[in-house]
Each structure stands twice: as structure tokens, then as C-alpha cells.
Amino acid sequence: MQVDVTSLSNKNVGKVDLHDSIFNLPIRSDLLHRIVRWQLAKRQSGNHKTLSVTEIRGTTAKPWNQKGSGKARAGSVRTTQFRGGAVSHGPVVRSHSFKLPKKVRSLALKTALSSKKAESKLNIIDSIDLKKPSTSELVSSFKSLGWKSVLIVTGNEIDRNFHFSIRNIPNADVISVKGINVYDILRKDILVLTKDAVEILEKRLK
């Protein structure tokens, strides 16, 4: 399919062909849900932990005789029923990540791109290169283009001036095509791809 290519000044500068195998797939919410859970699980630090009996400082002596005191028997003051003792079945340091097949991850990315295209929230621009950093000019460009919540995906390298210009704009992010992911695509309302990013994605995902 052919789509229009615009510039940051909101002018039509041509057209580009998008492959149906990448940008025109059926929308599968179950697949998108799986990949978002996978991404967020990998981000969890998993460093929450409580002390076990062996890690609690304290005497190893039996607190009182087994029989004759009238109290319940006890073998250590470091066990869970005593104040300052261990926590029973507490959390331990672990990784929350789990494996997901590469084919599933690839299909989910293509599904996310297709969902933006189906919602008419996918825009293609020719370039994001700026002569000088200027947040105010970029805000004006976004306003003319109607972009409020936007993720911009460029080629392998992000233009330095554009990076400095966009970093103070709320709800606007720029990433290279190497870091494109489903969660960031779905988190923003508008997805913008440069022509370089489209070429790289089609080579990678075809």
C-alpha cells in the first residue's frame, strides 16, 4: 500500500510503499498483551527480599526448657513467631523474566505497527534532521501536525539537534529503530516513522 510522506513543516513530499505483511496484519490483542507482559516482567528488578532464620542475628540457644515452663515449646528466638524473627515464606531475590519465542516477538511487533496503521495513527516523515536545536520550533511543528502524544522512530542514529529539541516536550519521545518495541508503540497515541526506519524495519521483518 502507498502512504503519503510528510515533512516536519507539514508538507507533502512524496509517497512510500508499505508492505502488507508488516503494516496490514489482523489485530490480535492477545498477542499484544503477551508481549507487553513479557517486556514489563523483564523490567522488574526482583531484588525484594526478607531475612530467613539463618540470616537473623541472635543466639542459637534454646530459649527455655522443653517441658515444665507451661509455655509452648520453642527451639530458637529467631523463628517466625518471635518479635524480630524471620519472615515465613517471604520474597527472595529472583528474576521475573520469562522466555518468549523470537517468532512471537516479531509477529507482535508487526501487529503493533499494523494496529497503528489501521487506526490511521501511523505517519511517515522524510527526515528529522534539524539545523539547530529549538524546542519552540519543534512544538510549533507538532502542533501543526496534530501530534500531542507521539513516538518518533528514526534510523540507526538519532539526530543530535532533534534529540536536544524534543527532550523537554511532554508526551513526545524519539528512539532509533534498533530500540523499537511494542510497549512504547502502544503507550503513545501517534507513531511516526522516518523513511530510513521504514526501510530498516522492512528488511528486518520481511
N, C-alpha and C. Protein backbone atom coordinates (compact mmCIF):
# COMPACT_ATOMS: atom_id res chain seq x y z
N MET A 1 0.84 -1.19 0.00
CA MET A 1 0.00 0.00 0.00
C MET A 1 0.88 1.24 0.00
N GLN A 2 0.37 2.32 -0.59
CA GLN A 2 1.11 3.57 -0.63
C GLN A 2 0.55 4.55 0.40
N VAL A 3 1.45 5.24 1.09
CA VAL A 3 1.05 6.27 2.05
C VAL A 3 1.85 7.53 1.78
N ASP A 4 1.31 8.66 2.20
CA ASP A 4 1.97 9.94 1.99
C ASP A 4 3.16 10.10 2.93
N VAL A 5 4.16 10.80 2.44
CA VAL A 5 5.32 11.16 3.26
C VAL A 5 5.27 12.66 3.48
N THR A 6 5.35 13.07 4.73
CA THR A 6 5.31 14.50 5.05
C THR A 6 6.64 14.94 5.65
N SER A 7 6.78 16.24 5.79
CA SER A 7 7.96 16.80 6.44
C SER A 7 7.56 17.39 7.78
N LEU A 8 8.53 17.81 8.56
CA LEU A 8 8.24 18.42 9.85
C LEU A 8 7.50 19.74 9.71
N SER A 9 7.57 20.34 8.52
CA SER A 9 6.83 21.58 8.26
C SER A 9 5.43 21.30 7.72
N ASN A 10 5.00 20.02 7.82
CA ASN A 10 3.65 19.60 7.42
C ASN A 10 3.40 19.79 5.92
N LYS A 11 4.40 19.45 5.11
CA LYS A 11 4.24 19.50 3.66
C LYS A 11 4.39 18.10 3.09
N ASN A 12 3.59 17.81 2.07
CA ASN A 12 3.65 16.50 1.41
C ASN A 12 4.87 16.47 0.50
N VAL A 13 5.75 15.48 0.74
CA VAL A 13 6.99 15.41 -0.03
C VAL A 13 7.10 14.11 -0.83
N GLY A 14 6.00 13.39 -0.99
CA GLY A 14 6.04 12.18 -1.80
C GLY A 14 5.24 11.05 -1.18
N LYS A 15 5.52 9.84 -1.66
CA LYS A 15 4.83 8.65 -1.17
C LYS A 15 5.83 7.53 -0.93
N VAL A 16 5.42 6.55 -0.12
CA VAL A 16 6.26 5.40 0.14
C VAL A 16 5.38 4.16 0.18
N ASP A 17 5.93 3.04 -0.29
CA ASP A 17 5.20 1.77 -0.28
C ASP A 17 5.45 1.05 1.04
N LEU A 18 4.36 0.60 1.69
CA LEU A 18 4.45 -0.19 2.91
C LEU A 18 3.99 -1.61 2.62
N HIS A 19 4.76 -2.58 3.08
CA HIS A 19 4.42 -3.98 2.82
C HIS A 19 3.23 -4.41 3.67
N ASP A 20 2.28 -5.08 3.01
CA ASP A 20 1.10 -5.57 3.73
C ASP A 20 1.45 -6.61 4.78
N SER A 21 2.56 -7.33 4.58
CA SER A 21 2.95 -8.37 5.53
C SER A 21 3.45 -7.80 6.85
N ILE A 22 3.69 -6.49 6.88
CA ILE A 22 4.17 -5.83 8.10
C ILE A 22 3.17 -4.83 8.64
N PHE A 23 2.51 -4.10 7.74
CA PHE A 23 1.65 -3.00 8.17
C PHE A 23 0.16 -3.25 7.93
N ASN A 24 -0.19 -4.46 7.54
CA ASN A 24 -1.62 -4.73 7.26
C ASN A 24 -2.03 -6.11 7.77
N LEU A 25 -1.60 -6.44 8.98
CA LEU A 25 -1.95 -7.73 9.56
C LEU A 25 -3.19 -7.60 10.44
N PRO A 26 -3.90 -8.72 10.70
CA PRO A 26 -5.04 -8.68 11.63
C PRO A 26 -4.58 -8.27 13.02
N ILE A 27 -5.40 -7.53 13.72
CA ILE A 27 -5.05 -7.05 15.05
C ILE A 27 -5.38 -8.14 16.07
N ARG A 28 -4.35 -8.60 16.78
CA ARG A 28 -4.53 -9.64 17.81
C ARG A 28 -4.17 -9.06 19.17
N SER A 29 -5.20 -8.73 19.94
CA SER A 29 -4.96 -8.13 21.25
C SER A 29 -4.31 -9.12 22.21
N ASP A 30 -4.57 -10.43 22.02
CA ASP A 30 -3.95 -11.43 22.90
C ASP A 30 -2.44 -11.45 22.72
N LEU A 31 -1.99 -11.28 21.48
CA LEU A 31 -0.55 -11.29 21.20
C LEU A 31 0.12 -10.03 21.77
N LEU A 32 -0.56 -8.89 21.62
CA LEU A 32 -0.02 -7.64 22.16
C LEU A 32 0.05 -7.70 23.68
N HIS A 33 -0.95 -8.34 24.29
CA HIS A 33 -0.95 -8.48 25.75
C HIS A 33 0.22 -9.33 26.22
N ARG A 34 0.50 -10.41 25.50
CA ARG A 34 1.62 -11.29 25.87
C ARG A 34 2.95 -10.56 25.81
N ILE A 35 3.15 -9.78 24.74
CA ILE A 35 4.45 -9.13 24.57
C ILE A 35 4.63 -8.00 25.57
N VAL A 36 3.56 -7.29 25.93
CA VAL A 36 3.67 -6.22 26.93
C VAL A 36 3.98 -6.82 28.30
N ARG A 37 3.34 -7.93 28.65
CA ARG A 37 3.65 -8.60 29.92
C ARG A 37 5.10 -9.07 29.94
N TRP A 38 5.59 -9.56 28.82
CA TRP A 38 6.98 -10.03 28.71
C TRP A 38 7.95 -8.87 28.90
N GLN A 39 7.66 -7.72 28.28
CA GLN A 39 8.54 -6.57 28.40
C GLN A 39 8.56 -6.03 29.83
N LEU A 40 7.39 -5.90 30.45
CA LEU A 40 7.32 -5.33 31.80
C LEU A 40 7.91 -6.28 32.83
N ALA A 41 7.79 -7.59 32.59
CA ALA A 41 8.38 -8.57 33.51
C ALA A 41 9.90 -8.47 33.49
N LYS A 42 10.47 -8.21 32.32
CA LYS A 42 11.93 -8.07 32.22
C LYS A 42 12.42 -6.83 32.95
N ARG A 43 11.59 -5.81 33.06
CA ARG A 43 11.99 -4.56 33.71
C ARG A 43 12.01 -4.67 35.24
N GLN A 44 11.25 -5.61 35.79
CA GLN A 44 11.19 -5.73 37.24
C GLN A 44 12.56 -6.10 37.81
N SER A 45 12.95 -5.40 38.86
CA SER A 45 14.28 -5.64 39.42
C SER A 45 14.35 -6.96 40.17
N GLY A 46 13.29 -7.34 40.86
CA GLY A 46 13.27 -8.61 41.59
C GLY A 46 14.23 -8.67 42.75
N ASN A 47 14.56 -7.51 43.35
CA ASN A 47 15.53 -7.51 44.45
C ASN A 47 14.86 -7.40 45.82
N HIS A 48 13.54 -7.62 45.89
CA HIS A 48 12.86 -7.62 47.19
C HIS A 48 13.20 -8.91 47.94
N LYS A 49 13.46 -8.79 49.24
CA LYS A 49 13.91 -9.95 50.00
C LYS A 49 13.67 -9.73 51.48
N THR A 50 13.35 -10.81 52.20
CA THR A 50 13.27 -10.80 53.66
C THR A 50 14.30 -11.78 54.22
N LEU A 51 14.62 -11.62 55.49
CA LEU A 51 15.64 -12.47 56.11
C LEU A 51 15.07 -13.83 56.51
N SER A 52 15.85 -14.87 56.26
CA SER A 52 15.47 -16.21 56.70
C SER A 52 16.04 -16.44 58.11
N VAL A 53 15.71 -17.58 58.72
CA VAL A 53 16.18 -17.89 60.08
C VAL A 53 17.70 -17.89 60.15
N THR A 54 18.35 -18.39 59.11
CA THR A 54 19.81 -18.49 59.14
C THR A 54 20.48 -17.13 59.01
N GLU A 55 19.74 -16.10 58.56
CA GLU A 55 20.32 -14.77 58.36
C GLU A 55 20.03 -13.82 59.52
N ILE A 56 19.15 -14.21 60.44
CA ILE A 56 18.83 -13.37 61.59
C ILE A 56 19.95 -13.46 62.63
N ARG A 57 20.39 -12.30 63.13
CA ARG A 57 21.41 -12.32 64.19
C ARG A 57 20.74 -12.62 65.52
N GLY A 58 21.38 -13.46 66.32
CA GLY A 58 20.84 -13.80 67.63
C GLY A 58 21.43 -15.10 68.15
N THR A 59 21.13 -15.40 69.39
CA THR A 59 21.67 -16.60 70.00
C THR A 59 21.07 -17.85 69.38
N THR A 60 21.83 -18.90 69.43
CA THR A 60 21.34 -20.20 68.96
C THR A 60 20.84 -21.06 70.11
N ALA A 61 20.87 -20.49 71.30
CA ALA A 61 20.46 -21.27 72.49
C ALA A 61 18.95 -21.47 72.52
N LYS A 62 18.54 -22.59 73.08
CA LYS A 62 17.12 -22.85 73.27
C LYS A 62 16.60 -21.88 74.35
N PRO A 63 15.51 -21.12 74.07
CA PRO A 63 15.08 -20.06 74.98
C PRO A 63 14.63 -20.54 76.37
N TRP A 64 14.01 -21.71 76.47
CA TRP A 64 13.62 -22.29 77.76
C TRP A 64 13.51 -23.80 77.63
N ASN A 65 13.35 -24.44 78.73
CA ASN A 65 13.29 -25.90 78.73
C ASN A 65 12.12 -26.40 77.90
N GLN A 66 12.32 -27.60 77.38
CA GLN A 66 11.26 -28.19 76.55
C GLN A 66 9.98 -28.40 77.36
N LYS A 67 10.13 -28.82 78.58
CA LYS A 67 8.95 -29.12 79.40
C LYS A 67 9.03 -28.40 80.75
N GLY A 68 7.89 -28.23 81.38
CA GLY A 68 7.86 -27.73 82.74
C GLY A 68 7.62 -26.24 82.88
N SER A 69 7.75 -25.45 81.80
CA SER A 69 7.58 -23.99 81.94
C SER A 69 6.14 -23.55 81.76
N GLY A 70 5.31 -24.43 81.19
CA GLY A 70 3.94 -24.05 80.89
C GLY A 70 3.80 -23.29 79.57
N LYS A 71 4.89 -23.04 78.92
CA LYS A 71 4.86 -22.33 77.62
C LYS A 71 4.93 -23.34 76.47
N ALA A 72 4.59 -22.85 75.31
CA ALA A 72 4.76 -23.69 74.13
C ALA A 72 6.24 -23.93 73.89
N ARG A 73 6.58 -25.11 73.42
CA ARG A 73 7.99 -25.43 73.21
C ARG A 73 8.57 -24.57 72.09
N ALA A 74 9.81 -24.22 72.22
CA ALA A 74 10.49 -23.39 71.23
C ALA A 74 11.97 -23.78 71.18
N GLY A 75 12.53 -23.72 70.00
CA GLY A 75 13.93 -24.10 69.84
C GLY A 75 14.83 -22.94 69.52
N SER A 76 14.25 -21.79 69.13
CA SER A 76 15.07 -20.63 68.77
C SER A 76 14.23 -19.36 68.88
N VAL A 77 14.87 -18.27 69.25
CA VAL A 77 14.17 -16.98 69.31
C VAL A 77 14.20 -16.28 67.95
N ARG A 78 14.81 -16.91 66.96
CA ARG A 78 14.91 -16.30 65.63
C ARG A 78 13.81 -16.78 64.68
N THR A 79 12.92 -17.63 65.16
CA THR A 79 11.87 -18.17 64.30
C THR A 79 10.74 -17.16 64.10
N THR A 80 9.81 -17.49 63.25
CA THR A 80 8.82 -16.52 62.75
C THR A 80 7.86 -16.02 63.82
N GLN A 81 7.59 -16.80 64.88
CA GLN A 81 6.58 -16.36 65.85
C GLN A 81 7.12 -15.32 66.84
N PHE A 82 8.43 -15.09 66.87
CA PHE A 82 9.00 -14.14 67.82
C PHE A 82 9.24 -12.77 67.16
N ARG A 83 9.11 -11.73 67.97
CA ARG A 83 9.38 -10.37 67.50
C ARG A 83 10.84 -10.26 67.06
N GLY A 84 11.06 -9.73 65.88
CA GLY A 84 12.41 -9.62 65.34
C GLY A 84 12.89 -10.89 64.68
N GLY A 85 12.00 -11.89 64.57
CA GLY A 85 12.39 -13.14 63.94
C GLY A 85 12.25 -13.09 62.43
N ALA A 86 12.40 -14.24 61.83
CA ALA A 86 12.36 -14.35 60.37
C ALA A 86 10.94 -14.21 59.86
N VAL A 87 10.81 -14.05 58.53
CA VAL A 87 9.52 -13.99 57.86
C VAL A 87 9.26 -15.32 57.17
N SER A 88 8.10 -15.87 57.42
CA SER A 88 7.77 -17.18 56.83
C SER A 88 7.40 -17.04 55.36
N HIS A 89 8.05 -17.79 54.51
CA HIS A 89 7.77 -17.82 53.06
C HIS A 89 7.85 -16.43 52.44
N GLY A 90 8.83 -15.62 52.88
CA GLY A 90 9.00 -14.26 52.35
C GLY A 90 9.59 -14.26 50.95
N PRO A 91 9.57 -13.09 50.30
CA PRO A 91 10.13 -12.99 48.95
C PRO A 91 11.64 -13.15 48.95
N VAL A 92 12.18 -13.64 47.86
CA VAL A 92 13.61 -13.80 47.70
C VAL A 92 14.03 -13.12 46.39
N VAL A 93 15.31 -12.80 46.27
CA VAL A 93 15.82 -12.18 45.04
C VAL A 93 15.67 -13.15 43.88
N ARG A 94 15.01 -12.69 42.83
CA ARG A 94 14.79 -13.57 41.67
C ARG A 94 14.51 -12.72 40.44
N SER A 95 14.59 -13.33 39.30
CA SER A 95 14.26 -12.66 38.05
C SER A 95 12.80 -12.95 37.69
N HIS A 96 12.07 -11.92 37.30
CA HIS A 96 10.68 -12.08 36.90
C HIS A 96 10.53 -12.38 35.41
N SER A 97 11.63 -12.33 34.68
CA SER A 97 11.55 -12.50 33.23
C SER A 97 11.21 -13.94 32.86
N PHE A 98 10.63 -14.07 31.68
CA PHE A 98 10.34 -15.40 31.14
C PHE A 98 10.61 -15.37 29.64
N LYS A 99 10.72 -16.54 29.05
CA LYS A 99 11.10 -16.62 27.65
C LYS A 99 9.87 -16.49 26.74
N LEU A 100 10.12 -15.90 25.58
CA LEU A 100 9.08 -15.78 24.56
C LEU A 100 9.75 -16.05 23.21
N PRO A 101 9.17 -16.93 22.38
CA PRO A 101 9.82 -17.26 21.11
C PRO A 101 10.06 -16.03 20.24
N LYS A 102 11.15 -16.07 19.49
CA LYS A 102 11.50 -14.94 18.64
C LYS A 102 10.43 -14.67 17.58
N LYS A 103 9.80 -15.73 17.08
CA LYS A 103 8.75 -15.55 16.08
C LYS A 103 7.54 -14.83 16.66
N VAL A 104 7.24 -15.12 17.91
CA VAL A 104 6.12 -14.43 18.58
C VAL A 104 6.44 -12.96 18.76
N ARG A 105 7.67 -12.65 19.17
CA ARG A 105 8.08 -11.26 19.37
C ARG A 105 8.04 -10.49 18.05
N SER A 106 8.48 -11.13 16.98
CA SER A 106 8.47 -10.48 15.67
C SER A 106 7.04 -10.24 15.19
N LEU A 107 6.17 -11.23 15.36
CA LEU A 107 4.78 -11.09 14.94
C LEU A 107 4.07 -10.01 15.76
N ALA A 108 4.39 -9.92 17.05
CA ALA A 108 3.78 -8.91 17.90
C ALA A 108 4.18 -7.50 17.46
N LEU A 109 5.44 -7.32 17.07
CA LEU A 109 5.89 -6.01 16.59
C LEU A 109 5.16 -5.63 15.31
N LYS A 110 5.02 -6.59 14.39
CA LYS A 110 4.29 -6.31 13.15
C LYS A 110 2.81 -6.02 13.43
N THR A 111 2.25 -6.71 14.42
CA THR A 111 0.85 -6.47 14.79
C THR A 111 0.67 -5.07 15.37
N ALA A 112 1.63 -4.63 16.19
CA ALA A 112 1.56 -3.29 16.77
C ALA A 112 1.65 -2.22 15.67
N LEU A 113 2.54 -2.43 14.70
CA LEU A 113 2.64 -1.49 13.58
C LEU A 113 1.35 -1.48 12.77
N SER A 114 0.77 -2.66 12.56
CA SER A 114 -0.47 -2.76 11.80
C SER A 114 -1.63 -2.08 12.53
N SER A 115 -1.63 -2.19 13.86
CA SER A 115 -2.72 -1.58 14.63
C SER A 115 -2.69 -0.05 14.50
N LYS A 116 -1.50 0.54 14.49
CA LYS A 116 -1.40 1.99 14.31
C LYS A 116 -1.84 2.39 12.90
N LYS A 117 -1.49 1.56 11.92
CA LYS A 117 -1.90 1.86 10.55
C LYS A 117 -3.42 1.74 10.42
N ALA A 118 -4.02 0.74 11.05
CA ALA A 118 -5.47 0.54 10.96
C ALA A 118 -6.23 1.67 11.63
N GLU A 119 -5.65 2.26 12.67
CA GLU A 119 -6.29 3.37 13.39
C GLU A 119 -5.97 4.73 12.77
N SER A 120 -5.24 4.73 11.65
CA SER A 120 -4.81 5.96 10.97
C SER A 120 -3.96 6.83 11.90
N LYS A 121 -3.15 6.16 12.72
CA LYS A 121 -2.26 6.88 13.64
C LYS A 121 -0.78 6.60 13.34
N LEU A 122 -0.53 6.20 12.09
CA LEU A 122 0.84 5.97 11.64
C LEU A 122 1.19 7.04 10.61
N ASN A 123 2.24 7.79 10.87
CA ASN A 123 2.70 8.83 9.95
C ASN A 123 4.13 8.53 9.50
N ILE A 124 4.42 8.87 8.25
CA ILE A 124 5.76 8.70 7.70
C ILE A 124 6.31 10.10 7.37
N ILE A 125 7.52 10.39 7.87
CA ILE A 125 8.15 11.66 7.54
C ILE A 125 9.47 11.39 6.84
N ASP A 126 9.93 12.39 6.10
CA ASP A 126 11.15 12.18 5.31
C ASP A 126 12.39 12.18 6.18
N SER A 127 12.48 13.11 7.14
CA SER A 127 13.68 13.21 7.97
C SER A 127 13.36 14.02 9.22
N ILE A 128 14.16 13.81 10.27
CA ILE A 128 14.01 14.60 11.49
C ILE A 128 15.25 15.46 11.75
N ASP A 129 16.11 15.60 10.75
CA ASP A 129 17.34 16.38 10.93
C ASP A 129 17.00 17.87 11.06
N LEU A 130 17.60 18.50 12.07
CA LEU A 130 17.42 19.93 12.30
C LEU A 130 18.75 20.66 12.17
N LYS A 131 18.69 21.92 11.70
CA LYS A 131 19.92 22.71 11.57
C LYS A 131 20.47 23.12 12.92
N LYS A 132 19.56 23.35 13.88
CA LYS A 132 19.97 23.75 15.23
C LYS A 132 18.90 23.30 16.22
N PRO A 133 19.26 23.10 17.47
CA PRO A 133 18.26 22.70 18.46
C PRO A 133 17.29 23.84 18.75
N SER A 134 15.99 23.54 18.74
CA SER A 134 14.98 24.55 19.05
C SER A 134 13.70 23.85 19.47
N THR A 135 13.46 23.83 20.77
CA THR A 135 12.25 23.18 21.28
C THR A 135 11.01 23.91 20.84
N SER A 136 11.03 25.24 20.83
CA SER A 136 9.85 26.03 20.46
C SER A 136 9.42 25.76 19.02
N GLU A 137 10.40 25.67 18.11
CA GLU A 137 10.08 25.38 16.71
C GLU A 137 9.50 23.98 16.56
N LEU A 138 10.04 23.03 17.32
CA LEU A 138 9.53 21.67 17.24
C LEU A 138 8.12 21.58 17.81
N VAL A 139 7.85 22.32 18.87
CA VAL A 139 6.49 22.35 19.43
C VAL A 139 5.51 22.90 18.40
N SER A 140 5.92 23.94 17.67
CA SER A 140 5.06 24.51 16.62
C SER A 140 4.81 23.50 15.51
N SER A 141 5.86 22.75 15.15
CA SER A 141 5.71 21.72 14.10
C SER A 141 4.73 20.64 14.55
N PHE A 142 4.88 20.18 15.79
CA PHE A 142 3.99 19.15 16.31
C PHE A 142 2.55 19.64 16.35
N LYS A 143 2.37 20.91 16.70
CA LYS A 143 1.02 21.48 16.77
C LYS A 143 0.37 21.51 15.40
N SER A 144 1.15 21.91 14.38
CA SER A 144 0.61 21.96 13.01
C SER A 144 0.30 20.57 12.48
N LEU A 145 1.08 19.57 12.94
CA LEU A 145 0.86 18.18 12.50
C LEU A 145 -0.20 17.47 13.34
N GLY A 146 -0.59 18.06 14.47
CA GLY A 146 -1.61 17.46 15.32
C GLY A 146 -1.08 16.35 16.20
N TRP A 147 0.21 16.43 16.56
CA TRP A 147 0.83 15.40 17.39
C TRP A 147 0.88 15.87 18.84
N LYS A 148 0.18 15.20 19.72
CA LYS A 148 0.21 15.52 21.15
C LYS A 148 0.95 14.44 21.94
N SER A 149 0.60 13.19 21.70
CA SER A 149 1.29 12.06 22.31
C SER A 149 1.91 11.26 21.17
N VAL A 150 3.24 11.33 21.04
CA VAL A 150 3.87 10.82 19.82
C VAL A 150 5.18 10.10 20.14
N LEU A 151 5.40 9.01 19.43
CA LEU A 151 6.67 8.30 19.44
C LEU A 151 7.26 8.38 18.04
N ILE A 152 8.47 8.92 17.94
CA ILE A 152 9.15 9.06 16.64
C ILE A 152 10.28 8.05 16.57
N VAL A 153 10.26 7.24 15.52
CA VAL A 153 11.28 6.21 15.31
C VAL A 153 12.11 6.61 14.10
N THR A 154 13.39 6.81 14.32
CA THR A 154 14.29 7.22 13.23
C THR A 154 15.21 6.07 12.86
N GLY A 155 16.21 6.34 12.05
CA GLY A 155 17.14 5.30 11.60
C GLY A 155 18.05 4.82 12.72
N ASN A 156 19.22 4.34 12.35
CA ASN A 156 20.14 3.79 13.36
C ASN A 156 20.73 4.87 14.27
N GLU A 157 20.76 6.11 13.80
CA GLU A 157 21.32 7.21 14.59
C GLU A 157 20.27 8.31 14.76
N ILE A 158 20.18 8.87 15.98
CA ILE A 158 19.26 9.96 16.25
C ILE A 158 19.98 11.29 16.05
N ASP A 159 19.35 12.18 15.29
CA ASP A 159 19.94 13.49 15.06
C ASP A 159 20.13 14.22 16.39
N ARG A 160 21.35 14.71 16.64
CA ARG A 160 21.69 15.34 17.92
C ARG A 160 20.81 16.57 18.20
N ASN A 161 20.61 17.41 17.19
CA ASN A 161 19.80 18.62 17.38
C ASN A 161 18.35 18.27 17.67
N PHE A 162 17.84 17.24 17.01
CA PHE A 162 16.45 16.83 17.26
C PHE A 162 16.31 16.25 18.66
N HIS A 163 17.30 15.51 19.10
CA HIS A 163 17.27 14.92 20.45
C HIS A 163 17.22 16.02 21.52
N PHE A 164 18.05 17.05 21.36
CA PHE A 164 18.05 18.15 22.31
C PHE A 164 16.74 18.94 22.26
N SER A 165 16.11 18.99 21.11
CA SER A 165 14.87 19.77 20.96
C SER A 165 13.66 19.07 21.55
N ILE A 166 13.62 17.75 21.45
CA ILE A 166 12.42 17.01 21.86
C ILE A 166 12.43 16.60 23.33
N ARG A 167 13.58 16.62 23.97
CA ARG A 167 13.67 16.03 25.29
C ARG A 167 12.88 16.80 26.36
N ASN A 168 12.54 18.08 26.09
CA ASN A 168 11.75 18.85 27.05
C ASN A 168 10.27 18.92 26.69
N ILE A 169 9.86 18.20 25.65
CA ILE A 169 8.46 18.21 25.23
C ILE A 169 7.75 17.04 25.91
N PRO A 170 6.70 17.30 26.70
CA PRO A 170 5.99 16.20 27.37
C PRO A 170 5.25 15.32 26.36
N ASN A 171 5.16 14.03 26.68
CA ASN A 171 4.43 13.05 25.86
C ASN A 171 5.01 12.91 24.45
N ALA A 172 6.29 13.19 24.29
CA ALA A 172 6.95 13.03 22.99
C ALA A 172 8.30 12.36 23.22
N ASP A 173 8.55 11.30 22.48
CA ASP A 173 9.81 10.55 22.61
C ASP A 173 10.37 10.25 21.23
N VAL A 174 11.68 10.07 21.17
CA VAL A 174 12.33 9.65 19.94
C VAL A 174 13.28 8.50 20.27
N ILE A 175 13.24 7.46 19.46
CA ILE A 175 14.14 6.32 19.62
C ILE A 175 14.65 5.91 18.26
N SER A 176 15.77 5.20 18.25
CA SER A 176 16.28 4.67 16.99
C SER A 176 15.52 3.38 16.67
N VAL A 177 15.61 2.97 15.42
CA VAL A 177 14.88 1.77 15.00
C VAL A 177 15.41 0.52 15.71
N LYS A 178 16.64 0.60 16.21
CA LYS A 178 17.21 -0.54 16.94
C LYS A 178 16.47 -0.78 18.25
N GLY A 179 15.86 0.25 18.82
CA GLY A 179 15.18 0.12 20.10
C GLY A 179 13.67 0.07 20.01
N ILE A 180 13.12 -0.08 18.80
CA ILE A 180 11.67 -0.10 18.65
C ILE A 180 11.07 -1.30 19.38
N ASN A 181 9.97 -1.07 20.08
CA ASN A 181 9.35 -2.16 20.84
C ASN A 181 7.85 -1.92 20.94
N VAL A 182 7.12 -2.99 21.25
CA VAL A 182 5.65 -2.95 21.24
C VAL A 182 5.13 -2.03 22.34
N TYR A 183 5.71 -2.10 23.54
CA TYR A 183 5.19 -1.32 24.66
C TYR A 183 5.24 0.18 24.39
N ASP A 184 6.36 0.66 23.86
CA ASP A 184 6.48 2.09 23.56
C ASP A 184 5.55 2.51 22.43
N ILE A 185 5.33 1.63 21.47
CA ILE A 185 4.40 1.94 20.37
C ILE A 185 2.98 2.12 20.90
N LEU A 186 2.55 1.20 21.75
CA LEU A 186 1.18 1.25 22.26
C LEU A 186 0.99 2.35 23.30
N ARG A 187 2.07 2.75 23.96
CA ARG A 187 1.99 3.74 25.03
C ARG A 187 1.69 5.15 24.50
N LYS A 188 2.07 5.40 23.26
CA LYS A 188 1.84 6.71 22.65
C LYS A 188 0.68 6.63 21.65
N ASP A 189 0.03 7.76 21.45
CA ASP A 189 -1.13 7.80 20.56
C ASP A 189 -0.71 7.74 19.09
N ILE A 190 0.30 8.51 18.73
CA ILE A 190 0.74 8.60 17.34
C ILE A 190 2.11 7.94 17.19
N LEU A 191 2.27 7.16 16.12
CA LEU A 191 3.57 6.56 15.79
C LEU A 191 4.07 7.21 14.50
N VAL A 192 5.29 7.72 14.56
CA VAL A 192 5.90 8.37 13.40
C VAL A 192 7.17 7.62 13.02
N LEU A 193 7.28 7.24 11.76
CA LEU A 193 8.46 6.55 11.26
C LEU A 193 9.12 7.41 10.19
N THR A 194 10.44 7.49 10.24
CA THR A 194 11.16 8.14 9.14
C THR A 194 11.28 7.14 7.99
N LYS A 195 11.62 7.64 6.81
CA LYS A 195 11.77 6.75 5.66
C LYS A 195 12.89 5.75 5.90
N ASP A 196 13.97 6.19 6.56
CA ASP A 196 15.07 5.28 6.88
C ASP A 196 14.59 4.16 7.80
N ALA A 197 13.76 4.49 8.78
CA ALA A 197 13.26 3.49 9.72
C ALA A 197 12.37 2.48 9.01
N VAL A 198 11.57 2.94 8.06
CA VAL A 198 10.70 2.03 7.30
C VAL A 198 11.54 1.03 6.51
N GLU A 199 12.59 1.49 5.86
CA GLU A 199 13.44 0.60 5.07
C GLU A 199 14.11 -0.44 5.96
N ILE A 200 14.61 -0.03 7.12
CA ILE A 200 15.29 -0.95 8.02
C ILE A 200 14.31 -1.98 8.59
N LEU A 201 13.11 -1.52 8.96
CA LEU A 201 12.10 -2.42 9.52
C LEU A 201 11.66 -3.46 8.49
N GLU A 202 11.49 -3.03 7.25
CA GLU A 202 11.04 -3.98 6.22
C GLU A 202 12.11 -5.02 5.92
N LYS A 203 13.38 -4.64 5.98
CA LYS A 203 14.45 -5.62 5.80
C LYS A 203 14.51 -6.59 6.96
N ARG A 204 14.25 -6.08 8.17
CA ARG A 204 14.35 -6.92 9.36
C ARG A 204 13.14 -7.87 9.50
N LEU A 205 11.96 -7.41 9.17
CA LEU A 205 10.74 -8.15 9.49
C LEU A 205 10.14 -8.92 8.32
N LYS A 206 10.62 -8.71 7.09
CA LYS A 206 10.05 -9.41 5.94
C LYS A 206 10.32 -10.92 6.01
